[in-house]
């Protein structure tokens, strides 16, 4: 459903996605899959796509493209875009968790909506894409005590 201004209702977008950015869905990495345009990113950095009805924005991992049941596997980076600004500040509470159990705060998103950290192996404080660090296990959102985290029950 949209309001009188044509704004799609659903999960609240925080950052607009750059044009042409796609969410990728596939069950086998050796076979083709499906893609869907990413319209925005949520406060927690989740890519938002249109639900199958085309009526609201939903997190990419919750969208079922035309009943395909293909899992969301990430942002389609066919051409492997490098770390690219301008950078958007990440919300407080977004952390990168490493295989060793060590955690580092995610500071920014790049223009493609990917989490950016200060490179722990570079003494010059260079920025690096979280996904390029081999020891990265996951990026997750941990709201501070008392901070409300509302995903709207979606």
N, C-alpha and C. Protein backbone atom coordinates (compact mmCIF):
# COMPACT_ATOMS: atom_id res chain seq x y z
N UNK A 1 0.86 -1.17 0.00
CA UNK A 1 0.00 0.00 0.00
C UNK A 1 0.90 1.22 0.00
N UNK A 2 0.50 2.27 -0.70
CA UNK A 2 1.28 3.50 -0.69
C UNK A 2 0.39 4.64 -0.23
N UNK A 3 1.05 5.69 0.30
CA UNK A 3 0.28 6.84 0.75
C UNK A 3 0.00 7.76 -0.43
N UNK A 4 -0.57 8.91 -0.17
CA UNK A 4 -0.95 9.83 -1.25
C UNK A 4 0.25 10.36 -2.03
N UNK A 5 1.45 10.26 -1.43
CA UNK A 5 2.65 10.74 -2.10
C UNK A 5 3.34 9.63 -2.89
N UNK A 6 2.76 8.42 -2.92
CA UNK A 6 3.37 7.33 -3.66
C UNK A 6 4.48 6.63 -2.90
N UNK A 7 4.64 6.90 -1.61
CA UNK A 7 5.68 6.27 -0.81
C UNK A 7 5.22 4.88 -0.41
N UNK A 8 6.09 3.89 -0.65
CA UNK A 8 5.76 2.51 -0.32
C UNK A 8 5.89 2.32 1.19
N UNK A 9 4.86 1.71 1.81
CA UNK A 9 4.92 1.45 3.25
C UNK A 9 5.50 0.07 3.50
N UNK A 10 6.15 -0.09 4.62
CA UNK A 10 6.78 -1.35 5.00
C UNK A 10 7.88 -1.03 5.98
N UNK A 11 9.03 -1.69 5.86
CA UNK A 11 10.15 -1.40 6.74
C UNK A 11 10.68 -0.01 6.42
N UNK A 12 11.01 0.74 7.46
CA UNK A 12 11.44 2.13 7.26
C UNK A 12 12.86 2.20 6.69
N UNK A 13 13.01 2.76 5.48
CA UNK A 13 14.34 2.91 4.91
C UNK A 13 15.11 4.01 5.61
N UNK A 14 16.42 3.81 5.78
CA UNK A 14 17.27 4.81 6.41
C UNK A 14 18.22 5.44 5.40
N UNK A 15 18.69 4.64 4.45
CA UNK A 15 19.66 5.10 3.47
C UNK A 15 19.21 4.62 2.09
N UNK A 16 19.14 5.53 1.16
CA UNK A 16 18.77 5.13 -0.21
C UNK A 16 19.88 4.30 -0.82
N UNK A 17 19.52 3.30 -1.60
CA UNK A 17 20.51 2.47 -2.29
C UNK A 17 20.94 3.16 -3.58
N UNK A 18 22.18 2.96 -3.98
CA UNK A 18 22.59 3.52 -5.27
C UNK A 18 21.84 2.83 -6.40
N UNK A 19 21.65 3.50 -7.51
CA UNK A 19 20.93 2.91 -8.64
C UNK A 19 21.62 1.65 -9.13
N UNK A 20 20.81 0.67 -9.51
CA UNK A 20 21.36 -0.55 -10.10
C UNK A 20 21.83 -1.61 -9.13
N UNK A 21 21.69 -1.38 -7.83
CA UNK A 21 22.13 -2.36 -6.84
C UNK A 21 21.09 -3.46 -6.72
N UNK A 22 21.52 -4.72 -6.74
CA UNK A 22 20.59 -5.85 -6.77
C UNK A 22 20.83 -6.82 -5.61
N UNK A 23 19.74 -7.38 -5.09
CA UNK A 23 19.81 -8.48 -4.13
C UNK A 23 19.84 -9.77 -4.93
N UNK A 24 20.67 -10.71 -4.50
CA UNK A 24 20.85 -11.95 -5.25
C UNK A 24 20.23 -13.11 -4.47
N UNK A 25 19.51 -13.96 -5.18
CA UNK A 25 18.85 -15.14 -4.62
C UNK A 25 19.27 -16.36 -5.44
N UNK A 26 19.79 -17.38 -4.77
CA UNK A 26 20.12 -18.61 -5.48
C UNK A 26 20.34 -19.74 -4.48
N UNK A 27 20.07 -20.96 -4.91
CA UNK A 27 20.25 -22.11 -4.03
C UNK A 27 21.54 -22.85 -4.32
N UNK A 28 22.07 -22.72 -5.53
CA UNK A 28 23.30 -23.41 -5.91
C UNK A 28 24.23 -22.38 -6.54
N UNK A 29 25.44 -22.21 -5.96
CA UNK A 29 26.36 -21.19 -6.50
C UNK A 29 26.83 -21.46 -7.92
N UNK A 30 26.62 -22.70 -8.41
CA UNK A 30 27.05 -23.03 -9.77
C UNK A 30 25.92 -22.87 -10.78
N UNK A 31 24.75 -22.48 -10.30
CA UNK A 31 23.61 -22.26 -11.18
C UNK A 31 23.16 -20.82 -11.07
N UNK A 32 22.45 -20.37 -12.07
CA UNK A 32 21.91 -19.01 -12.04
C UNK A 32 20.87 -18.86 -10.95
N UNK A 33 20.52 -17.67 -10.65
CA UNK A 33 19.50 -17.40 -9.65
C UNK A 33 18.63 -16.25 -10.11
N UNK A 34 18.08 -15.54 -9.16
CA UNK A 34 17.26 -14.37 -9.44
C UNK A 34 17.85 -13.17 -8.75
N UNK A 35 17.53 -11.99 -9.25
CA UNK A 35 17.92 -10.75 -8.58
C UNK A 35 16.70 -9.86 -8.45
N UNK A 36 16.78 -8.95 -7.49
CA UNK A 36 15.72 -7.98 -7.27
C UNK A 36 16.36 -6.64 -6.94
N UNK A 37 15.83 -5.54 -7.46
CA UNK A 37 16.41 -4.24 -7.16
C UNK A 37 16.35 -3.93 -5.65
N UNK A 38 17.44 -3.38 -5.13
CA UNK A 38 17.48 -2.90 -3.75
C UNK A 38 17.14 -1.42 -3.81
N UNK A 39 16.14 -1.02 -3.04
CA UNK A 39 15.69 0.37 -3.06
C UNK A 39 16.29 1.21 -1.94
N UNK A 40 16.61 0.55 -0.81
CA UNK A 40 17.13 1.29 0.34
C UNK A 40 17.76 0.29 1.30
N UNK A 41 18.33 0.84 2.37
CA UNK A 41 18.86 0.02 3.46
C UNK A 41 18.17 0.48 4.75
N UNK A 42 17.88 -0.49 5.63
CA UNK A 42 17.23 -0.17 6.90
C UNK A 42 18.24 0.43 7.87
N UNK A 43 17.76 0.84 9.04
CA UNK A 43 18.65 1.35 10.08
C UNK A 43 19.75 0.37 10.42
N UNK A 44 19.45 -0.93 10.35
CA UNK A 44 20.41 -1.97 10.70
C UNK A 44 21.27 -2.41 9.52
N UNK A 45 21.09 -1.77 8.37
CA UNK A 45 21.90 -2.10 7.21
C UNK A 45 21.36 -3.21 6.35
N UNK A 46 20.12 -3.64 6.60
CA UNK A 46 19.52 -4.69 5.78
C UNK A 46 19.06 -4.10 4.46
N UNK A 47 19.40 -4.75 3.33
CA UNK A 47 18.90 -4.27 2.04
C UNK A 47 17.39 -4.48 1.96
N UNK A 48 16.68 -3.48 1.45
CA UNK A 48 15.22 -3.54 1.34
C UNK A 48 14.82 -3.64 -0.12
N UNK A 49 13.94 -4.61 -0.40
CA UNK A 49 13.41 -4.84 -1.74
C UNK A 49 11.89 -4.77 -1.66
N UNK A 50 11.24 -4.70 -2.81
CA UNK A 50 9.78 -4.73 -2.82
C UNK A 50 9.30 -6.15 -2.53
N UNK A 51 8.24 -6.26 -1.74
CA UNK A 51 7.65 -7.58 -1.51
C UNK A 51 7.03 -8.05 -2.82
N UNK A 52 6.68 -9.35 -2.92
CA UNK A 52 6.14 -9.86 -4.20
C UNK A 52 4.91 -9.11 -4.71
N UNK A 53 4.14 -8.53 -3.81
CA UNK A 53 2.96 -7.77 -4.24
C UNK A 53 3.33 -6.38 -4.75
N UNK A 54 4.58 -5.97 -4.50
CA UNK A 54 5.01 -4.64 -4.92
C UNK A 54 4.37 -3.53 -4.12
N UNK A 55 4.00 -3.82 -2.84
CA UNK A 55 3.28 -2.84 -2.05
C UNK A 55 4.09 -2.24 -0.91
N UNK A 56 5.19 -2.90 -0.51
CA UNK A 56 5.98 -2.36 0.60
C UNK A 56 7.41 -2.86 0.52
N UNK A 57 8.30 -2.18 1.23
CA UNK A 57 9.69 -2.60 1.29
C UNK A 57 9.86 -3.60 2.42
N UNK A 58 10.57 -4.69 2.13
CA UNK A 58 10.84 -5.72 3.12
C UNK A 58 12.33 -6.07 3.05
N UNK A 59 12.90 -6.59 4.15
CA UNK A 59 14.29 -7.03 4.09
C UNK A 59 14.47 -8.10 3.01
N UNK A 60 15.56 -8.04 2.30
CA UNK A 60 15.81 -8.97 1.19
C UNK A 60 15.71 -10.42 1.63
N UNK A 61 16.15 -10.73 2.85
CA UNK A 61 16.11 -12.12 3.30
C UNK A 61 14.69 -12.62 3.56
N UNK A 62 13.72 -11.72 3.63
CA UNK A 62 12.32 -12.11 3.86
C UNK A 62 11.49 -12.14 2.59
N UNK A 63 12.03 -11.65 1.51
CA UNK A 63 11.27 -11.60 0.25
C UNK A 63 11.27 -12.98 -0.40
N UNK A 64 10.13 -13.37 -0.91
CA UNK A 64 10.01 -14.62 -1.66
C UNK A 64 9.65 -14.22 -3.08
N UNK A 65 10.64 -14.17 -3.94
CA UNK A 65 10.43 -13.68 -5.30
C UNK A 65 9.54 -14.63 -6.09
N UNK A 66 8.33 -14.20 -6.31
CA UNK A 66 7.35 -14.94 -7.11
C UNK A 66 7.26 -16.40 -6.69
N UNK A 67 7.33 -16.66 -5.38
CA UNK A 67 7.20 -18.02 -4.88
C UNK A 67 8.39 -18.92 -5.19
N UNK A 68 9.55 -18.34 -5.48
CA UNK A 68 10.71 -19.12 -5.88
C UNK A 68 11.34 -19.91 -4.74
N UNK A 69 11.16 -19.44 -3.50
CA UNK A 69 11.75 -20.06 -2.32
C UNK A 69 13.28 -20.10 -2.37
N UNK A 70 13.89 -19.28 -3.23
CA UNK A 70 15.35 -19.22 -3.28
C UNK A 70 15.84 -18.38 -2.11
N UNK A 71 16.90 -18.81 -1.44
CA UNK A 71 17.42 -18.02 -0.32
C UNK A 71 18.18 -16.79 -0.80
N UNK A 72 18.11 -15.75 0.02
CA UNK A 72 18.89 -14.53 -0.24
C UNK A 72 20.34 -14.84 0.09
N UNK A 73 21.25 -14.56 -0.83
CA UNK A 73 22.67 -14.87 -0.61
C UNK A 73 23.54 -13.62 -0.50
N UNK A 74 22.97 -12.46 -0.70
CA UNK A 74 23.74 -11.23 -0.57
C UNK A 74 23.52 -10.27 -1.72
N UNK A 75 24.31 -9.22 -1.70
CA UNK A 75 24.23 -8.21 -2.76
C UNK A 75 24.97 -8.73 -3.97
N UNK A 76 24.36 -8.59 -5.13
CA UNK A 76 24.95 -9.06 -6.37
C UNK A 76 26.10 -8.13 -6.75
N UNK A 77 27.31 -8.64 -6.67
CA UNK A 77 28.50 -7.84 -7.00
C UNK A 77 29.23 -8.50 -8.17
N UNK A 78 28.51 -8.70 -9.24
CA UNK A 78 29.07 -9.37 -10.42
C UNK A 78 30.39 -8.77 -10.86
N UNK A 79 30.50 -7.48 -10.75
CA UNK A 79 31.70 -6.82 -11.23
C UNK A 79 32.66 -6.49 -10.09
N UNK A 80 32.35 -6.95 -8.90
CA UNK A 80 33.23 -6.76 -7.76
C UNK A 80 33.60 -5.32 -7.50
N UNK A 81 32.61 -4.44 -7.27
CA UNK A 81 32.97 -3.03 -7.08
C UNK A 81 33.90 -2.86 -5.89
N UNK A 82 34.91 -2.04 -6.03
CA UNK A 82 35.81 -1.79 -4.91
C UNK A 82 35.13 -0.94 -3.85
N UNK A 83 35.77 -0.81 -2.71
CA UNK A 83 35.31 0.08 -1.64
C UNK A 83 35.09 1.46 -2.25
N UNK A 84 33.89 1.98 -2.11
CA UNK A 84 33.52 3.21 -2.81
C UNK A 84 32.75 4.15 -1.90
N UNK A 85 33.14 5.41 -1.82
CA UNK A 85 32.41 6.43 -1.09
C UNK A 85 31.43 7.10 -2.03
N UNK A 86 30.60 7.98 -1.55
CA UNK A 86 30.63 8.50 -0.18
C UNK A 86 30.16 7.46 0.83
N UNK A 87 30.63 7.62 2.06
CA UNK A 87 30.33 6.69 3.13
C UNK A 87 29.20 7.24 4.00
N UNK A 88 28.38 6.34 4.49
CA UNK A 88 27.26 6.68 5.36
C UNK A 88 27.55 6.13 6.74
N UNK A 89 27.38 6.91 7.80
CA UNK A 89 27.63 6.37 9.15
C UNK A 89 26.73 5.18 9.45
N UNK A 90 27.30 4.14 10.03
CA UNK A 90 26.53 2.97 10.44
C UNK A 90 25.90 3.27 11.80
N UNK A 91 24.78 2.62 12.10
CA UNK A 91 24.14 2.87 13.40
C UNK A 91 24.98 2.30 14.54
N UNK A 92 24.88 2.92 15.70
CA UNK A 92 25.56 2.41 16.89
C UNK A 92 25.02 1.02 17.18
N UNK A 93 25.89 0.10 17.51
CA UNK A 93 25.47 -1.26 17.83
C UNK A 93 25.73 -2.25 16.71
N UNK A 94 26.17 -1.78 15.54
CA UNK A 94 26.49 -2.70 14.45
C UNK A 94 27.94 -3.16 14.64
N UNK A 95 28.15 -4.48 14.76
CA UNK A 95 29.49 -5.01 15.03
C UNK A 95 29.85 -6.12 14.05
N UNK A 96 31.14 -6.21 13.78
CA UNK A 96 31.69 -7.31 13.00
C UNK A 96 32.22 -8.33 13.99
N UNK A 97 31.84 -9.59 13.83
CA UNK A 97 32.27 -10.67 14.71
C UNK A 97 33.23 -11.54 13.92
N UNK A 98 34.39 -11.82 14.51
CA UNK A 98 35.42 -12.59 13.83
C UNK A 98 35.49 -14.02 14.37
N UNK A 99 36.14 -14.91 13.62
CA UNK A 99 36.26 -16.32 13.99
C UNK A 99 36.81 -16.48 15.40
N UNK A 100 37.71 -15.61 15.81
CA UNK A 100 38.33 -15.70 17.13
C UNK A 100 37.40 -15.27 18.26
N UNK A 101 36.24 -14.71 17.91
CA UNK A 101 35.32 -14.18 18.91
C UNK A 101 35.50 -12.69 19.14
N UNK A 102 36.59 -12.13 18.60
CA UNK A 102 36.85 -10.69 18.72
C UNK A 102 35.78 -9.93 17.94
N UNK A 103 35.44 -8.74 18.42
CA UNK A 103 34.43 -7.91 17.76
C UNK A 103 35.00 -6.52 17.52
N UNK A 104 34.56 -5.91 16.41
CA UNK A 104 34.96 -4.53 16.09
C UNK A 104 33.71 -3.79 15.63
N UNK A 105 33.57 -2.53 16.00
CA UNK A 105 32.39 -1.78 15.55
C UNK A 105 32.46 -1.50 14.05
N UNK A 106 31.30 -1.59 13.40
CA UNK A 106 31.20 -1.19 11.99
C UNK A 106 30.96 0.31 12.01
N UNK A 107 31.80 1.04 11.31
CA UNK A 107 31.74 2.50 11.35
C UNK A 107 30.89 3.11 10.25
N UNK A 108 30.96 2.53 9.06
CA UNK A 108 30.32 3.13 7.89
C UNK A 108 29.72 2.06 6.99
N UNK A 109 28.90 2.51 6.05
CA UNK A 109 28.51 1.72 4.87
C UNK A 109 29.12 2.43 3.68
N UNK A 110 29.55 1.67 2.67
CA UNK A 110 30.00 2.33 1.46
C UNK A 110 28.79 2.63 0.58
N UNK A 111 29.00 3.19 -0.58
CA UNK A 111 27.90 3.60 -1.45
C UNK A 111 27.06 2.40 -1.90
N UNK A 112 27.63 1.19 -1.82
CA UNK A 112 26.91 -0.02 -2.20
C UNK A 112 26.23 -0.68 -1.01
N UNK A 113 26.25 -0.02 0.16
CA UNK A 113 25.58 -0.54 1.34
C UNK A 113 26.34 -1.64 2.06
N UNK A 114 27.64 -1.75 1.81
CA UNK A 114 28.44 -2.79 2.45
C UNK A 114 29.11 -2.26 3.71
N UNK A 115 29.19 -3.07 4.79
CA UNK A 115 29.81 -2.62 6.03
C UNK A 115 31.30 -2.35 5.84
N UNK A 116 31.76 -1.24 6.45
CA UNK A 116 33.15 -0.81 6.34
C UNK A 116 33.75 -0.71 7.74
N UNK A 117 34.98 -1.22 7.89
CA UNK A 117 35.71 -1.18 9.16
C UNK A 117 37.04 -0.48 8.96
N UNK A 118 37.69 -0.16 10.06
CA UNK A 118 39.09 0.24 9.97
C UNK A 118 39.88 -1.06 9.89
N UNK A 119 40.79 -1.15 8.94
CA UNK A 119 41.55 -2.37 8.71
C UNK A 119 42.41 -2.68 9.94
N UNK A 120 42.16 -3.82 10.61
CA UNK A 120 42.92 -4.14 11.83
C UNK A 120 44.38 -4.50 11.54
N UNK A 121 44.72 -4.75 10.27
CA UNK A 121 46.08 -5.15 9.90
C UNK A 121 46.89 -4.00 9.31
N UNK A 122 46.30 -2.82 9.26
CA UNK A 122 46.96 -1.68 8.63
C UNK A 122 47.13 -0.57 9.66
N UNK A 123 48.36 -0.22 9.98
CA UNK A 123 48.62 0.79 11.01
C UNK A 123 48.26 2.20 10.55
N UNK A 124 47.94 2.38 9.26
CA UNK A 124 47.59 3.71 8.78
C UNK A 124 46.10 4.00 8.93
N UNK A 125 45.36 3.08 9.56
CA UNK A 125 43.92 3.24 9.78
C UNK A 125 43.13 3.28 8.48
N UNK A 126 43.56 2.50 7.50
CA UNK A 126 42.84 2.43 6.23
C UNK A 126 41.48 1.78 6.43
N UNK A 127 40.52 2.18 5.61
CA UNK A 127 39.20 1.56 5.64
C UNK A 127 39.21 0.31 4.77
N UNK A 128 38.40 -0.67 5.17
CA UNK A 128 38.34 -1.93 4.44
C UNK A 128 36.91 -2.45 4.48
N UNK A 129 36.49 -3.12 3.41
CA UNK A 129 35.18 -3.77 3.41
C UNK A 129 35.24 -4.94 4.38
N UNK A 130 34.24 -5.05 5.24
CA UNK A 130 34.19 -6.15 6.20
C UNK A 130 34.25 -7.49 5.48
N UNK A 131 33.54 -7.60 4.35
CA UNK A 131 33.48 -8.88 3.63
C UNK A 131 34.82 -9.31 3.07
N UNK A 132 35.81 -8.39 2.99
CA UNK A 132 37.12 -8.74 2.46
C UNK A 132 38.07 -9.28 3.52
N UNK A 133 37.66 -9.28 4.77
CA UNK A 133 38.50 -9.82 5.83
C UNK A 133 38.18 -11.31 5.99
N UNK A 134 39.17 -12.14 5.71
CA UNK A 134 38.95 -13.60 5.67
C UNK A 134 38.45 -14.14 7.00
N UNK A 135 38.84 -13.54 8.11
CA UNK A 135 38.45 -14.07 9.42
C UNK A 135 37.08 -13.56 9.90
N UNK A 136 36.37 -12.78 9.05
CA UNK A 136 35.05 -12.29 9.42
C UNK A 136 34.04 -13.43 9.45
N UNK A 137 33.31 -13.53 10.55
CA UNK A 137 32.29 -14.56 10.69
C UNK A 137 30.93 -14.00 10.27
N UNK A 138 30.58 -12.80 10.81
CA UNK A 138 29.30 -12.19 10.49
C UNK A 138 29.30 -10.73 10.96
N UNK A 139 28.32 -9.98 10.48
CA UNK A 139 28.05 -8.62 10.96
C UNK A 139 26.67 -8.67 11.57
N UNK A 140 26.53 -8.15 12.78
CA UNK A 140 25.22 -8.19 13.44
C UNK A 140 24.95 -6.89 14.18
N UNK A 141 23.67 -6.68 14.46
CA UNK A 141 23.23 -5.48 15.15
C UNK A 141 22.91 -5.84 16.59
N UNK A 142 23.52 -5.10 17.51
CA UNK A 142 23.25 -5.29 18.93
C UNK A 142 22.87 -3.95 19.53
N UNK A 143 21.58 -3.72 19.71
CA UNK A 143 21.17 -2.44 20.31
C UNK A 143 21.71 -2.31 21.73
N UNK A 144 22.07 -1.11 22.10
CA UNK A 144 22.54 -0.83 23.45
C UNK A 144 21.39 -1.05 24.44
N UNK A 145 21.70 -1.39 25.69
CA UNK A 145 20.62 -1.56 26.67
C UNK A 145 19.74 -0.32 26.71
N UNK A 146 18.44 -0.53 26.65
CA UNK A 146 17.50 0.59 26.67
C UNK A 146 17.21 1.14 25.28
N UNK A 147 18.01 0.76 24.28
CA UNK A 147 17.77 1.23 22.91
C UNK A 147 16.70 0.35 22.30
N UNK A 148 15.66 0.97 21.78
CA UNK A 148 14.54 0.23 21.19
C UNK A 148 14.92 -0.26 19.82
N UNK A 149 14.70 -1.54 19.58
CA UNK A 149 14.95 -2.15 18.27
C UNK A 149 13.62 -2.69 17.79
N UNK A 150 13.01 -2.02 16.85
CA UNK A 150 11.68 -2.40 16.39
C UNK A 150 11.73 -2.77 14.93
N UNK A 151 11.50 -4.06 14.64
CA UNK A 151 11.44 -4.46 13.25
C UNK A 151 10.00 -4.58 12.78
N UNK A 152 9.08 -4.12 13.62
CA UNK A 152 7.67 -4.08 13.22
C UNK A 152 7.01 -5.45 13.17
N UNK A 153 7.72 -6.48 13.70
CA UNK A 153 7.13 -7.81 13.69
C UNK A 153 7.08 -8.43 12.31
N UNK A 154 7.84 -7.88 11.37
CA UNK A 154 7.83 -8.41 10.02
C UNK A 154 8.84 -9.53 9.89
